[in-house]
C-alpha atoms as a PDB file:
ATOM      1  CA  MET A   1      -7.366 -35.751   4.717  1.00  0.00           C
ATOM      2  CA  ASN A   2     -10.908 -35.464   2.978  1.00  0.00           C
ATOM      3  CA  THR A   3     -12.254 -32.961   0.696  1.00  0.00           C
ATOM      4  CA  LYS A   4     -14.161 -30.926   3.536  1.00  0.00           C
ATOM      5  CA  ASP A   5     -10.852 -30.639   5.447  1.00  0.00           C
ATOM      6  CA  ILE A   6      -9.165 -29.453   2.464  1.00  0.00           C
ATOM      7  CA  LEU A   7     -11.752 -26.786   1.549  1.00  0.00           C
ATOM      8  CA  ASN A   8     -11.392 -25.674   5.034  1.00  0.00           C
ATOM      9  CA  LEU A   9      -7.848 -24.864   4.921  1.00  0.00           C
ATOM     10  CA  PRO A  10      -7.142 -21.120   4.977  1.00  0.00           C
ATOM     11  CA  SER A  11      -4.136 -21.259   2.792  1.00  0.00           C
ATOM     12  CA  MET A  12      -1.303 -23.469   1.520  1.00  0.00           C
ATOM     13  CA  PRO A  13       0.967 -25.389   2.461  1.00  0.00           C
ATOM     14  CA  LEU A  14      -1.352 -28.265   3.812  1.00  0.00           C
ATOM     15  CA  ALA A  15       1.022 -29.154   6.740  1.00  0.00           C
ATOM     16  CA  SER A  16       1.439 -25.436   7.730  1.00  0.00           C
ATOM     17  CA  PRO A  17      -0.821 -22.786   6.245  1.00  0.00           C
ATOM     18  CA  SER A  18       1.104 -19.580   5.506  1.00  0.00           C
ATOM     19  CA  TYR A  19      -1.891 -17.311   7.151  1.00  0.00           C
ATOM     20  CA  PRO A  20      -5.223 -18.009   8.798  1.00  0.00           C
ATOM     21  CA  LYS A  21      -8.472 -16.861   7.670  1.00  0.00           C
ATOM     22  CA  GLY A  22      -9.429 -13.200   8.030  1.00  0.00           C
ATOM     23  CA  PRO A  23     -10.373 -10.495   8.475  1.00  0.00           C
ATOM     24  CA  TYR A  24      -6.938  -9.120   9.675  1.00  0.00           C
ATOM     25  CA  ARG A  25      -6.457  -6.606  12.586  1.00  0.00           C
ATOM     26  CA  PHE A  26      -3.499  -4.296  12.755  1.00  0.00           C
ATOM     27  CA  ILE A  27      -2.552  -2.596  15.857  1.00  0.00           C
ATOM     28  CA  ASP A  28      -0.333   0.671  16.229  1.00  0.00           C
ATOM     29  CA  ARG A  29       0.381   0.582  12.430  1.00  0.00           C
ATOM     30  CA  GLU A  30       2.614   3.513  11.580  1.00  0.00           C
ATOM     31  CA  TYR A  31       2.758   5.296   8.206  1.00  0.00           C
ATOM     32  CA  LEU A  32       5.175   7.622   6.686  1.00  0.00           C
ATOM     33  CA  ILE A  33       3.532   8.823   3.337  1.00  0.00           C
ATOM     34  CA  ILE A  34       5.382  11.283   0.941  1.00  0.00           C
ATOM     35  CA  THR A  35       3.217  12.803  -1.696  1.00  0.00           C
ATOM     36  CA  TYR A  36       4.919  14.038  -4.834  1.00  0.00           C
ATOM     37  CA  GLU A  37       4.474  15.276  -8.303  1.00  0.00           C
ATOM     38  CA  SER A  38       5.690  12.874 -11.124  1.00  0.00           C
ATOM     39  CA  ASP A  39       5.610  12.363 -14.811  1.00  0.00           C
ATOM     40  CA  PRO A  40       2.024  12.172 -16.334  1.00  0.00           C
ATOM     41  CA  ALA A  41       3.128   9.640 -18.941  1.00  0.00           C
ATOM     42  CA  ALA A  42       4.918   7.529 -16.291  1.00  0.00           C
ATOM     43  CA  ILE A  43       1.449   7.491 -14.086  1.00  0.00           C
ATOM     44  CA  ARG A  44      -0.493   6.703 -17.114  1.00  0.00           C
ATOM     45  CA  ALA A  45       1.815   3.572 -17.900  1.00  0.00           C
ATOM     46  CA  GLN A  46       1.567   2.297 -14.325  1.00  0.00           C
ATOM     47  CA  LEU A  47      -2.253   2.372 -14.284  1.00  0.00           C
ATOM     48  CA  PRO A  48      -4.180  -0.604 -15.805  1.00  0.00           C
ATOM     49  CA  GLU A  49      -7.156  -0.152 -17.712  1.00  0.00           C
ATOM     50  CA  PRO A  50     -10.177   0.810 -16.985  1.00  0.00           C
ATOM     51  CA  LEU A  51      -8.334   2.872 -14.319  1.00  0.00           C
ATOM     52  CA  GLU A  52      -7.671   6.464 -15.453  1.00  0.00           C
ATOM     53  CA  PRO A  53      -5.223   9.176 -13.753  1.00  0.00           C
ATOM     54  CA  ASP A  54      -6.949  11.457 -11.228  1.00  0.00           C
ATOM     55  CA  GLY A  55      -5.385  14.467 -13.118  1.00  0.00           C
ATOM     56  CA  SER A  56      -3.301  15.493  -9.965  1.00  0.00           C
ATOM     57  CA  ASN A  57      -0.108  13.857 -11.412  1.00  0.00           C
ATOM     58  CA  THR A  58       0.610  12.939  -7.755  1.00  0.00           C
ATOM     59  CA  VAL A  59       2.012   9.763  -6.423  1.00  0.00           C
ATOM     60  CA  LEU A  60       2.043   8.451  -2.722  1.00  0.00           C
ATOM     61  CA  TYR A  61       5.275   6.740  -1.615  1.00  0.00           C
ATOM     62  CA  GLU A  62       4.642   4.889   1.581  1.00  0.00           C
ATOM     63  CA  PHE A  63       6.689   3.401   4.401  1.00  0.00           C
ATOM     64  CA  ILE A  64       4.648   1.277   6.688  1.00  0.00           C
ATOM     65  CA  LYS A  65       5.548  -0.455   9.979  1.00  0.00           C
ATOM     66  CA  MET A  66       3.249  -3.240  11.194  1.00  0.00           C
ATOM     67  CA  PRO A  67       4.410  -4.460  14.793  1.00  0.00           C
ATOM     68  CA  ASP A  68       1.111  -6.229  15.636  1.00  0.00           C
ATOM     69  CA  SER A  69      -0.770  -7.905  12.635  1.00  0.00           C
ATOM     70  CA  SER A  70      -3.125 -10.718  13.352  1.00  0.00           C
ATOM     71  CA  GLY A  71      -2.115 -13.680  11.246  1.00  0.00           C
ATOM     72  CA  PHE A  72       0.885 -12.101   9.732  1.00  0.00           C
ATOM     73  CA  GLY A  73       3.035 -11.024  12.641  1.00  0.00           C
ATOM     74  CA  SER A  74       5.469  -8.100  12.821  1.00  0.00           C
ATOM     75  CA  TYR A  75       6.791  -6.497   9.414  1.00  0.00           C
ATOM     76  CA  THR A  76       7.451  -3.405   7.440  1.00  0.00           C
ATOM     77  CA  GLU A  77       6.631  -2.813   3.870  1.00  0.00           C
ATOM     78  CA  SER A  78       7.264   0.248   1.457  1.00  0.00           C
ATOM     79  CA  GLY A  79       5.754   1.026  -2.129  1.00  0.00           C
ATOM     80  CA  ILE A  80       3.949   3.325  -4.447  1.00  0.00           C
ATOM     81  CA  VAL A  81       0.467   4.151  -4.446  1.00  0.00           C
ATOM     82  CA  ILE A  82      -1.313   6.186  -7.218  1.00  0.00           C
ATOM     83  CA  PRO A  83      -4.437   8.321  -6.965  1.00  0.00           C
ATOM     84  CA  ALA A  84      -6.745   7.313  -9.850  1.00  0.00           C
ATOM     85  CA  SER A  85     -10.260   7.046 -11.068  1.00  0.00           C
ATOM     86  CA  TYR A  86     -12.630   4.190 -11.716  1.00  0.00           C
ATOM     87  CA  GLN A  87     -15.798   5.113 -13.361  1.00  0.00           C
ATOM     88  CA  GLY A  88     -15.761   8.489 -11.723  1.00  0.00           C
ATOM     89  CA  GLU A  89     -14.833   7.293  -8.286  1.00  0.00           C
ATOM     90  CA  ALA A  90     -11.730   8.363  -6.653  1.00  0.00           C
ATOM     91  CA  VAL A  91      -9.529   5.222  -5.832  1.00  0.00           C
ATOM     92  CA  ASN A  92      -5.948   4.433  -4.952  1.00  0.00           C
ATOM     93  CA  PHE A  93      -4.061   1.912  -7.199  1.00  0.00           C
ATOM     94  CA  THR A  94      -1.171  -0.103  -5.516  1.00  0.00           C
ATOM     95  CA  SER A  95       1.455  -0.076  -8.076  1.00  0.00           C
ATOM     96  CA  GLN A  96       4.445  -1.589  -6.068  1.00  0.00           C
ATOM     97  CA  MET A  97       5.093  -2.932  -2.785  1.00  0.00           C
ATOM     98  CA  TYR A  98       7.976  -4.504  -1.108  1.00  0.00           C
ATOM     99  CA  LEU A  99       8.099  -6.175   2.452  1.00  0.00           C
ATOM    100  CA  ASP A 100      10.472  -8.371   4.536  1.00  0.00           C
ATOM    101  CA  ILE A 101       8.439 -11.654   5.662  1.00  0.00           C
ATOM    102  CA  GLU A 102       6.896 -14.444   3.801  1.00  0.00           C
ATOM    103  CA  SER A 103       3.504 -14.750   5.452  1.00  0.00           C
ATOM    104  CA  PRO A 104       1.961 -11.394   4.411  1.00  0.00           C
ATOM    105  CA  ILE A 105       3.516 -11.676   0.958  1.00  0.00           C
ATOM    106  CA  SER A 106       1.657 -14.789   0.429  1.00  0.00           C
ATOM    107  CA  GLY A 107      -1.595 -13.712   1.889  1.00  0.00           C
ATOM    108  CA  GLY A 108      -1.534 -10.375   0.276  1.00  0.00           C
ATOM    109  CA  ARG A 109      -0.943 -11.814  -3.246  1.00  0.00           C
ATOM    110  CA  GLU A 110      -3.081 -14.590  -3.075  1.00  0.00           C
ATOM    111  CA  ILE A 111      -6.234 -12.858  -1.537  1.00  0.00           C
ATOM    112  CA  TRP A 112      -6.141  -9.276  -2.596  1.00  0.00           C
ATOM    113  CA  GLY A 113      -3.544  -9.301  -5.475  1.00  0.00           C
ATOM    114  CA  PHE A 114      -1.140  -6.998  -3.557  1.00  0.00           C
ATOM    115  CA  PRO A 115       1.969  -6.603  -5.832  1.00  0.00           C
ATOM    116  CA  LYS A 116       4.351  -7.791  -3.067  1.00  0.00           C
ATOM    117  CA  LYS A 117       7.888  -8.818  -3.366  1.00  0.00           C
ATOM    118  CA  LEU A 118      10.529  -9.564  -0.898  1.00  0.00           C
ATOM    119  CA  ALA A 119      12.893  -6.757   0.060  1.00  0.00           C
ATOM    120  CA  GLN A 120      14.277  -5.041   3.218  1.00  0.00           C
ATOM    121  CA  PRO A 121      12.261  -1.854   4.053  1.00  0.00           C
ATOM    122  CA  THR A 122      12.672  -0.033   7.354  1.00  0.00           C
ATOM    123  CA  LEU A 123      10.794   2.811   9.121  1.00  0.00           C
ATOM    124  CA  SER A 124      12.484   4.325  12.311  1.00  0.00           C
ATOM    125  CA  THR A 125      13.229   7.512  14.136  1.00  0.00           C
ATOM    126  CA  GLN A 126      16.867   8.695  13.634  1.00  0.00           C
ATOM    127  CA  GLU A 127      17.290  11.515  16.168  1.00  0.00           C
ATOM    128  CA  ASP A 128      14.926  14.201  15.065  1.00  0.00           C
ATOM    129  CA  THR A 129      14.102  12.570  11.680  1.00  0.00           C
ATOM    130  CA  LEU A 130      11.620  10.102  10.756  1.00  0.00           C
ATOM    131  CA  THR A 131      13.422   7.937   8.302  1.00  0.00           C
ATOM    132  CA  GLY A 132      12.007   5.321   5.755  1.00  0.00           C
ATOM    133  CA  THR A 133      14.367   3.250   3.646  1.00  0.00           C
ATOM    134  CA  LEU A 134      13.961   0.479   1.017  1.00  0.00           C
ATOM    135  CA  ASP A 135      16.820  -1.648   0.051  1.00  0.00           C
ATOM    136  CA  TYR A 136      16.531  -4.705  -2.712  1.00  0.00           C
ATOM    137  CA  ALA A 137      19.006  -7.268  -3.216  1.00  0.00           C
ATOM    138  CA  GLY A 138      21.514  -5.466  -1.194  1.00  0.00           C
ATOM    139  CA  GLU A 139      21.056  -2.082  -2.754  1.00  0.00           C
ATOM    140  CA  ARG A 140      19.413   1.099  -1.529  1.00  0.00           C
ATOM    141  CA  VAL A 141      16.572   2.240  -3.926  1.00  0.00           C
ATOM    142  CA  ALA A 142      14.415   4.536  -1.844  1.00  0.00           C
ATOM    143  CA  MET A 143      14.943   6.845   1.170  1.00  0.00           C
ATOM    144  CA  GLY A 144      12.303   9.280   2.607  1.00  0.00           C
ATOM    145  CA  THR A 145      12.712  11.588   5.523  1.00  0.00           C
ATOM    146  CA  MET A 146      10.372  13.842   7.522  1.00  0.00           C
ATOM    147  CA  ARG A 147      10.621  16.062  10.765  1.00  0.00           C
ATOM    148  CA  TYR A 148       9.573  13.956  13.605  1.00  0.00           C
ATOM    149  CA  LYS A 149       6.321  15.007  15.199  1.00  0.00           C
ATOM    150  CA  GLN A 150       7.136  18.764  14.683  1.00  0.00           C
ATOM    151  CA  GLU A 151       3.760  19.782  13.201  1.00  0.00           C
ATOM    152  CA  GLN A 152       0.540  18.304  14.316  1.00  0.00           C
ATOM    153  CA  LEU A 153      -1.909  17.578  11.562  1.00  0.00           C
ATOM    154  CA  THR A 154      -3.897  20.642  10.940  1.00  0.00           C
ATOM    155  CA  TYR A 155      -4.963  20.585   7.577  1.00  0.00           C
ATOM    156  CA  ASN A 156      -6.011  18.521   4.455  1.00  0.00           C
ATOM    157  CA  LEU A 157      -2.780  17.767   2.660  1.00  0.00           C
ATOM    158  CA  HIS A 158      -4.218  16.943  -0.678  1.00  0.00           C
ATOM    159  CA  ASP A 159      -6.697  19.903  -0.753  1.00  0.00           C
ATOM    160  CA  GLU A 160      -4.392  22.383   1.246  1.00  0.00           C
ATOM    161  CA  VAL A 161      -7.422  23.816   3.286  1.00  0.00           C
ATOM    162  CA  VAL A 162      -7.778  24.289   6.824  1.00  0.00           C
ATOM    163  CA  CYS A 163     -10.204  21.686   8.308  1.00  0.00           C
ATOM    164  CA  THR A 164     -12.060  21.407  11.583  1.00  0.00           C
ATOM    165  CA  SER A 165     -11.640  17.824  12.297  1.00  0.00           C
ATOM    166  CA  CYS A 166      -8.310  16.609  10.671  1.00  0.00           C
ATOM    167  CA  VAL A 167      -8.617  13.161  12.045  1.00  0.00           C
ATOM    168  CA  ASP A 168     -12.092  12.677  10.493  1.00  0.00           C
ATOM    169  CA  THR A 169     -10.401  13.931   7.237  1.00  0.00           C
ATOM    170  CA  LEU A 170      -7.470  11.666   7.467  1.00  0.00           C
ATOM    171  CA  THR A 171      -9.946   8.686   8.436  1.00  0.00           C
ATOM    172  CA  ASP A 172     -12.160   9.412   5.317  1.00  0.00           C
ATOM    173  CA  LYS A 173      -8.984   9.246   3.066  1.00  0.00           C
ATOM    174  CA  MET A 174      -8.018   5.861   4.479  1.00  0.00           C
ATOM    175  CA  MET A 175     -11.422   4.695   3.733  1.00  0.00           C
ATOM    176  CA  THR A 176     -10.902   5.489   0.130  1.00  0.00           C
ATOM    177  CA  THR A 177     -11.381   2.380  -2.027  1.00  0.00           C
ATOM    178  CA  GLN A 178      -7.979   0.753  -2.666  1.00  0.00           C
ATOM    179  CA  VAL A 179      -7.455  -1.149  -6.021  1.00  0.00           C
ATOM    180  CA  ASN A 180      -4.940  -3.931  -6.991  1.00  0.00           C
ATOM    181  CA  LEU A 181      -4.242  -5.895 -10.092  1.00  0.00           C
ATOM    182  CA  LYS A 182      -4.505  -9.479  -9.193  1.00  0.00           C
ATOM    183  CA  LEU A 183      -2.778 -11.901 -11.649  1.00  0.00           C
ATOM    184  CA  ILE A 184      -2.681 -15.713 -11.130  1.00  0.00           C
ATOM    185  CA  PRO A 185      -1.589 -18.070 -13.870  1.00  0.00           C
ATOM    186  CA  ASP A 186      -3.176 -21.460 -14.444  1.00  0.00           C
ATOM    187  CA  VAL A 187      -1.204 -24.501 -14.426  1.00  0.00           C
ATOM    188  CA  ASP A 188      -0.609 -24.325 -18.289  1.00  0.00           C
ATOM    189  CA  GLY A 189       0.572 -20.872 -17.940  1.00  0.00           C
ATOM    190  CA  THR A 190      -2.476 -19.130 -19.301  1.00  0.00           C
ATOM    191  CA  PRO A 191      -4.368 -16.718 -16.932  1.00  0.00           C
ATOM    192  CA  ALA A 192      -6.475 -18.264 -14.361  1.00  0.00           C
ATOM    193  CA  ILE A 193      -7.265 -15.000 -12.496  1.00  0.00           C
ATOM    194  CA  ALA A 194      -7.008 -11.460 -14.014  1.00  0.00           C
ATOM    195  CA  GLN A 195      -8.844  -8.999 -12.165  1.00  0.00           C
ATOM    196  CA  LEU A 196      -8.933  -5.566 -10.509  1.00  0.00           C
ATOM    197  CA  VAL A 197      -9.718  -6.279  -6.768  1.00  0.00           C
ATOM    198  CA  ALA A 198     -11.221  -3.592  -4.437  1.00  0.00           C
ATOM    199  CA  TYR A 199     -11.284  -3.302  -0.750  1.00  0.00           C
ATOM    200  CA  ASN A 200     -11.981  -0.718   1.851  1.00  0.00           C
ATOM    201  CA  LEU A 201     -10.221  -0.561   5.267  1.00  0.00           C
ATOM    202  CA  ALA A 202     -12.564  -0.617   8.217  1.00  0.00           C
ATOM    203  CA  ASP A 203     -12.716   0.057  12.063  1.00  0.00           C
ATOM    204  CA  ILE A 204     -10.193   2.807  11.754  1.00  0.00           C
ATOM    205  CA  ASP A 205      -8.727   4.459  14.914  1.00  0.00           C
ATOM    206  CA  ILE A 206      -6.230   7.203  14.538  1.00  0.00           C
ATOM    207  CA  LYS A 207      -3.961   7.523  17.375  1.00  0.00           C
ATOM    208  CA  GLY A 208      -1.893  10.381  16.227  1.00  0.00           C
ATOM    209  CA  ALA A 209      -1.189  12.315  13.026  1.00  0.00           C
ATOM    210  CA  TRP A 210       1.500  14.805  11.835  1.00  0.00           C
ATOM    211  CA  SER A 211       2.358  16.630   8.629  1.00  0.00           C
ATOM    212  CA  GLY A 212       5.227  18.594   7.357  1.00  0.00           C
ATOM    213  CA  PRO A 213       8.142  18.963   5.038  1.00  0.00           C
ATOM    214  CA  ALA A 214       9.489  15.820   3.553  1.00  0.00           C
ATOM    215  CA  ARG A 215      12.129  14.637   1.135  1.00  0.00           C
ATOM    216  CA  LEU A 216      12.252  11.448  -1.105  1.00  0.00           C
ATOM    217  CA  HIS A 217      15.116  10.036  -3.063  1.00  0.00           C
ATOM    218  CA  LEU A 218      14.506   7.163  -5.521  1.00  0.00           C
ATOM    219  CA  ILE A 219      17.311   5.071  -7.220  1.00  0.00           C
ATOM    220  CA  PRO A 220      16.861   3.374 -10.436  1.00  0.00           C
ATOM    221  CA  HIS A 221      16.848  -0.553 -10.061  1.00  0.00           C
ATOM    222  CA  VAL A 222      15.621  -3.005 -12.600  1.00  0.00           C
ATOM    223  CA  ASN A 223      13.779  -5.445 -10.025  1.00  0.00           C
ATOM    224  CA  ALA A 224      12.655  -2.607  -7.899  1.00  0.00           C
ATOM    225  CA  PRO A 225      11.528   0.147 -10.362  1.00  0.00           C
ATOM    226  CA  VAL A 226      10.175   2.766  -7.851  1.00  0.00           C
ATOM    227  CA  ALA A 227      12.288   5.461  -9.754  1.00  0.00           C
ATOM    228  CA  ASP A 228      10.116   4.749 -12.891  1.00  0.00           C
ATOM    229  CA  LEU A 229       7.818   7.311 -11.313  1.00  0.00           C
ATOM    230  CA  PRO A 230      10.371  10.021 -10.870  1.00  0.00           C
ATOM    231  CA  VAL A 231      10.081  12.815  -8.270  1.00  0.00           C
ATOM    232  CA  LYS A 232       9.447  16.128  -9.672  1.00  0.00           C
ATOM    233  CA  GLN A 233       8.525  18.014  -6.605  1.00  0.00           C
ATOM    234  CA  VAL A 234       7.719  16.770  -2.974  1.00  0.00           C
ATOM    235  CA  VAL A 235       4.407  18.089  -2.052  1.00  0.00           C
ATOM    236  CA  GLY A 236       4.644  17.096   1.615  1.00  0.00           C
ATOM    237  CA  GLY A 237       4.821  14.466   4.179  1.00  0.00           C
ATOM    238  CA  MET A 238       2.203  12.801   6.565  1.00  0.00           C
ATOM    239  CA  HIS A 239       3.110  10.597   9.518  1.00  0.00           C
ATOM    240  CA  PHE A 240       0.438   8.842  11.572  1.00  0.00           C
ATOM    241  CA  ILE A 241      -0.298   5.761  13.641  1.00  0.00           C
ATOM    242  CA  ALA A 242      -3.580   3.982  13.509  1.00  0.00           C
ATOM    243  CA  ASP A 243      -5.397   0.552  14.367  1.00  0.00           C
ATOM    244  CA  LEU A 244      -7.577  -0.721  11.532  1.00  0.00           C
ATOM    245  CA  THR A 245      -9.083  -3.856   9.988  1.00  0.00           C
ATOM    246  CA  LEU A 246      -8.235  -5.215   6.610  1.00  0.00           C
ATOM    247  CA  PRO A 247     -11.344  -7.190   5.186  1.00  0.00           C
ATOM    248  CA  TYR A 248     -11.780  -9.458   2.437  1.00  0.00           C
ATOM    249  CA  GLY A 249     -12.178  -7.650  -0.971  1.00  0.00           C
ATOM    250  CA  ARG A 250     -14.399  -7.803  -4.094  1.00  0.00           C
ATOM    251  CA  VAL A 251     -13.949  -8.015  -7.930  1.00  0.00           C
ATOM    252  CA  LEU A 252     -14.066  -4.638  -9.409  1.00  0.00           C
ATOM    253  CA  HIS A 253     -13.254  -5.767 -13.015  1.00  0.00           C
ATOM    254  CA  ASP A 254     -12.636  -9.101 -14.580  1.00  0.00           C
ATOM    255  CA  TYR A 255     -10.459  -9.052 -17.493  1.00  0.00           C
ATOM    256  CA  LEU A 256     -11.418 -12.712 -18.589  1.00  0.00           C
ATOM    257  CA  GLY A 257     -15.127 -11.818 -18.533  1.00  0.00           C
ATOM    258  CA  THR A 258     -16.125 -14.625 -16.253  1.00  0.00           C
ATOM    259  CA  LYS A 259     -17.915 -12.603 -13.654  1.00  0.00           C
END
């Protein structure tokens, strides 16, 4: 294989790349997002500079089922997103993420710097309850529940005001700049890449959205420390289904000062 062929490969390994080139389209992506109040000091500890807490003291716990993902297949993920601020812009920082197959773990870490680890998340409807769980190394570390499709989305959950077009409001929220901390070592163990990477979802089509009461239980675990951002009070839950595109990202901040 010559140099041109090597440079045209989308990913490793050479004999069978883990994922193709993007952008990546997701169909019928289903979300359960539980917003809760947490400890301000714990939130500050989870945000890498120059990101700053947004002052709300809230955290988003997510369970996401992706049955039709171009290049990645069918999988489920779960994790923590922290509303933050970057130079005055509202952003969402992905603090922890756990999923159940290799391809999106490799692609997510290598391209965008998603903090992905192998675990066993689920999102399913159990009788009248939308239920998300996360198991790591055989132990339950998170469980979230919400009433199943009992309350059509009729308000902006964050601002708690009645809106005239809630689908548009949710679409705007999904288009908020998302930020990851991308760390990749060089062959000698020193940092080769140390960046804040930003991206924005595109081509979003909301197919249904519901809001309402929810509950979240987090259990301490050393290798899946979701409980390090403790639940003080649950604000509410949001359940929605959407098609969307995950495009390539951009470097927001380079800790090595090379860009």
